[in-house]
Amino acid sequence: MVNNIFRAHLSVLLLLLCELLLVQGSLMSVVALAATAVVVATAALLLCAAAAARTGGPLTPTRIRTAIRDRELRTAFLAQRDPDAQGRRRPRAPGRPLLTAA
């Protein structure tokens, strides 16, 4: 809501400035105003985007519970392997070190 009002006021202000300079100004002032308008519009859009990204609304307890429940369903618990279980071979004992080229 505030972003829309800000955009409307900004666009009206820029249009009035353009009209004023076109009627009373030279070509150089019109070019300078156009460059300034582009910079101001870019800054305004970045501010609006940052404000929209920050205001995601408060988290309700229901959303928090749902997120915890979903994470719990995605979590996989793997049983640890028992090296002494029946049917498992014992690990090999370390052997003599291999001769390396000297």
C-alpha atoms as a PDB file:
ATOM      1  CA  MET A   1       0.000   0.000   0.000  1.00  0.00           C
ATOM      2  CA  VAL A   2       2.704   2.463   1.009  1.00  0.00           C
ATOM      3  CA  ASN A   3       4.825   1.400  -1.962  1.00  0.00           C
ATOM      4  CA  ASN A   4       2.006   2.185  -4.397  1.00  0.00           C
ATOM      5  CA  ILE A   5       1.466   5.637  -2.887  1.00  0.00           C
ATOM      6  CA  PHE A   6       5.209   6.314  -2.981  1.00  0.00           C
ATOM      7  CA  ARG A   7       5.406   5.269  -6.632  1.00  0.00           C
ATOM      8  CA  ALA A   8       2.432   7.439  -7.581  1.00  0.00           C
ATOM      9  CA  HIS A   9       3.860  10.544  -5.897  1.00  0.00           C
ATOM     10  CA  LEU A  10       7.279   9.933  -7.400  1.00  0.00           C
ATOM     11  CA  SER A  11       5.930   9.571 -10.920  1.00  0.00           C
ATOM     12  CA  VAL A  12       3.797  12.727 -10.623  1.00  0.00           C
ATOM     13  CA  LEU A  13       6.788  14.674  -9.301  1.00  0.00           C
ATOM     14  CA  LEU A  14       8.998  13.498 -12.152  1.00  0.00           C
ATOM     15  CA  LEU A  15       6.363  14.365 -14.740  1.00  0.00           C
ATOM     16  CA  LEU A  16       5.958  17.863 -13.314  1.00  0.00           C
ATOM     17  CA  LEU A  17       9.713  18.417 -13.338  1.00  0.00           C
ATOM     18  CA  CYS A  18       9.957  17.211 -16.933  1.00  0.00           C
ATOM     19  CA  GLU A  19       7.164  19.551 -17.993  1.00  0.00           C
ATOM     20  CA  LEU A  20       8.783  22.476 -16.205  1.00  0.00           C
ATOM     21  CA  LEU A  21      12.151  21.903 -17.827  1.00  0.00           C
ATOM     22  CA  LEU A  22      10.718  21.256 -21.277  1.00  0.00           C
ATOM     23  CA  VAL A  23       8.819  24.527 -21.221  1.00  0.00           C
ATOM     24  CA  GLN A  24      11.522  26.728 -19.687  1.00  0.00           C
ATOM     25  CA  GLY A  25      14.787  24.829 -20.069  1.00  0.00           C
ATOM     26  CA  SER A  26      17.313  23.974 -22.695  1.00  0.00           C
ATOM     27  CA  LEU A  27      18.161  20.607 -24.213  1.00  0.00           C
ATOM     28  CA  MET A  28      21.054  20.136 -21.795  1.00  0.00           C
ATOM     29  CA  SER A  29      18.803  20.543 -18.769  1.00  0.00           C
ATOM     30  CA  VAL A  30      16.313  18.062 -20.225  1.00  0.00           C
ATOM     31  CA  VAL A  31      19.070  15.474 -20.666  1.00  0.00           C
ATOM     32  CA  ALA A  32      20.289  16.095 -17.110  1.00  0.00           C
ATOM     33  CA  LEU A  33      16.762  15.694 -15.785  1.00  0.00           C
ATOM     34  CA  ALA A  34      16.276  12.469 -17.707  1.00  0.00           C
ATOM     35  CA  ALA A  35      19.486  11.033 -16.227  1.00  0.00           C
ATOM     36  CA  THR A  36      18.439  12.122 -12.751  1.00  0.00           C
ATOM     37  CA  ALA A  37      14.982  10.636 -13.249  1.00  0.00           C
ATOM     38  CA  VAL A  38      16.473   7.279 -14.216  1.00  0.00           C
ATOM     39  CA  VAL A  39      18.694   7.240 -11.131  1.00  0.00           C
ATOM     40  CA  VAL A  40      15.844   8.258  -8.826  1.00  0.00           C
ATOM     41  CA  ALA A  41      13.465   5.703 -10.335  1.00  0.00           C
ATOM     42  CA  THR A  42      16.054   2.939  -9.976  1.00  0.00           C
ATOM     43  CA  ALA A  43      16.695   3.870  -6.352  1.00  0.00           C
ATOM     44  CA  ALA A  44      12.954   3.975  -5.640  1.00  0.00           C
ATOM     45  CA  LEU A  45      12.405   0.557  -7.181  1.00  0.00           C
ATOM     46  CA  LEU A  46      15.285  -0.904  -5.172  1.00  0.00           C
ATOM     47  CA  LEU A  47      13.856   0.580  -1.981  1.00  0.00           C
ATOM     48  CA  CYS A  48      10.413  -0.831  -2.770  1.00  0.00           C
ATOM     49  CA  ALA A  49      11.861  -4.255  -3.525  1.00  0.00           C
ATOM     50  CA  ALA A  50      13.851  -4.257  -0.280  1.00  0.00           C
ATOM     51  CA  ALA A  51      10.805  -3.213   1.724  1.00  0.00           C
ATOM     52  CA  ALA A  52       8.664  -5.894   0.089  1.00  0.00           C
ATOM     53  CA  ALA A  53      11.286  -8.566   0.770  1.00  0.00           C
ATOM     54  CA  ARG A  54      11.562  -7.647   4.446  1.00  0.00           C
ATOM     55  CA  THR A  55       7.865  -7.584   5.216  1.00  0.00           C
ATOM     56  CA  GLY A  56       6.875 -11.219   4.948  1.00  0.00           C
ATOM     57  CA  GLY A  57       4.349 -10.939   7.736  1.00  0.00           C
ATOM     58  CA  PRO A  58       4.480 -12.458  11.201  1.00  0.00           C
ATOM     59  CA  LEU A  59       4.871 -16.195  11.540  1.00  0.00           C
ATOM     60  CA  THR A  60       1.906 -17.831  13.142  1.00  0.00           C
ATOM     61  CA  PRO A  61       2.327 -20.805  15.491  1.00  0.00           C
ATOM     62  CA  THR A  62       0.493 -22.967  12.959  1.00  0.00           C
ATOM     63  CA  ARG A  63       3.072 -22.228  10.253  1.00  0.00           C
ATOM     64  CA  ILE A  64       5.897 -22.951  12.694  1.00  0.00           C
ATOM     65  CA  ARG A  65       4.374 -26.295  13.715  1.00  0.00           C
ATOM     66  CA  THR A  66       3.824 -27.234  10.099  1.00  0.00           C
ATOM     67  CA  ALA A  67       7.429 -26.416   9.229  1.00  0.00           C
ATOM     68  CA  ILE A  68       8.730 -28.488  12.137  1.00  0.00           C
ATOM     69  CA  ARG A  69       6.471 -31.388  11.169  1.00  0.00           C
ATOM     70  CA  ASP A  70       7.579 -31.248   7.534  1.00  0.00           C
ATOM     71  CA  ARG A  71      11.223 -31.193   8.546  1.00  0.00           C
ATOM     72  CA  GLU A  72      10.641 -34.156  10.836  1.00  0.00           C
ATOM     73  CA  LEU A  73       9.088 -36.134   7.979  1.00  0.00           C
ATOM     74  CA  ARG A  74      12.053 -35.358   5.702  1.00  0.00           C
ATOM     75  CA  THR A  75      14.656 -36.358   8.289  1.00  0.00           C
ATOM     76  CA  ALA A  76      16.026 -39.859   7.779  1.00  0.00           C
ATOM     77  CA  PHE A  77      17.520 -41.761  10.689  1.00  0.00           C
ATOM     78  CA  LEU A  78      19.883 -44.479   9.578  1.00  0.00           C
ATOM     79  CA  ALA A  79      20.610 -47.323  11.946  1.00  0.00           C
ATOM     80  CA  GLN A  80      24.263 -47.586  12.842  1.00  0.00           C
ATOM     81  CA  ARG A  81      25.980 -50.697  11.632  1.00  0.00           C
ATOM     82  CA  ASP A  82      27.176 -53.169  14.190  1.00  0.00           C
ATOM     83  CA  PRO A  83      30.619 -54.453  13.147  1.00  0.00           C
ATOM     84  CA  ASP A  84      30.178 -57.558  15.317  1.00  0.00           C
ATOM     85  CA  ALA A  85      26.774 -58.496  13.892  1.00  0.00           C
ATOM     86  CA  GLN A  86      26.186 -62.018  12.645  1.00  0.00           C
ATOM     87  CA  GLY A  87      27.184 -62.467   9.007  1.00  0.00           C
ATOM     88  CA  ARG A  88      29.655 -59.592   8.952  1.00  0.00           C
ATOM     89  CA  ARG A  89      33.260 -60.267   8.186  1.00  0.00           C
ATOM     90  CA  ARG A  90      35.862 -58.882  10.471  1.00  0.00           C
ATOM     91  CA  PRO A  91      37.907 -56.038   9.059  1.00  0.00           C
ATOM     92  CA  ARG A  92      41.316 -56.946   7.756  1.00  0.00           C
ATOM     93  CA  ALA A  93      44.262 -56.448   9.995  1.00  0.00           C
ATOM     94  CA  PRO A  94      46.805 -53.886   8.867  1.00  0.00           C
ATOM     95  CA  GLY A  95      49.560 -55.541   6.847  1.00  0.00           C
ATOM     96  CA  ARG A  96      53.156 -54.693   6.256  1.00  0.00           C
ATOM     97  CA  PRO A  97      53.739 -51.347   4.606  1.00  0.00           C
ATOM     98  CA  LEU A  98      54.376 -51.533   0.874  1.00  0.00           C
ATOM     99  CA  LEU A  99      57.865 -50.790  -0.343  1.00  0.00           C
ATOM    100  CA  THR A 100      58.066 -47.458  -2.021  1.00  0.00           C
ATOM    101  CA  ALA A 101      60.532 -46.321  -4.627  1.00  0.00           C
ATOM    102  CA  ALA A 102      63.480 -44.644  -2.963  1.00  0.00           C
END
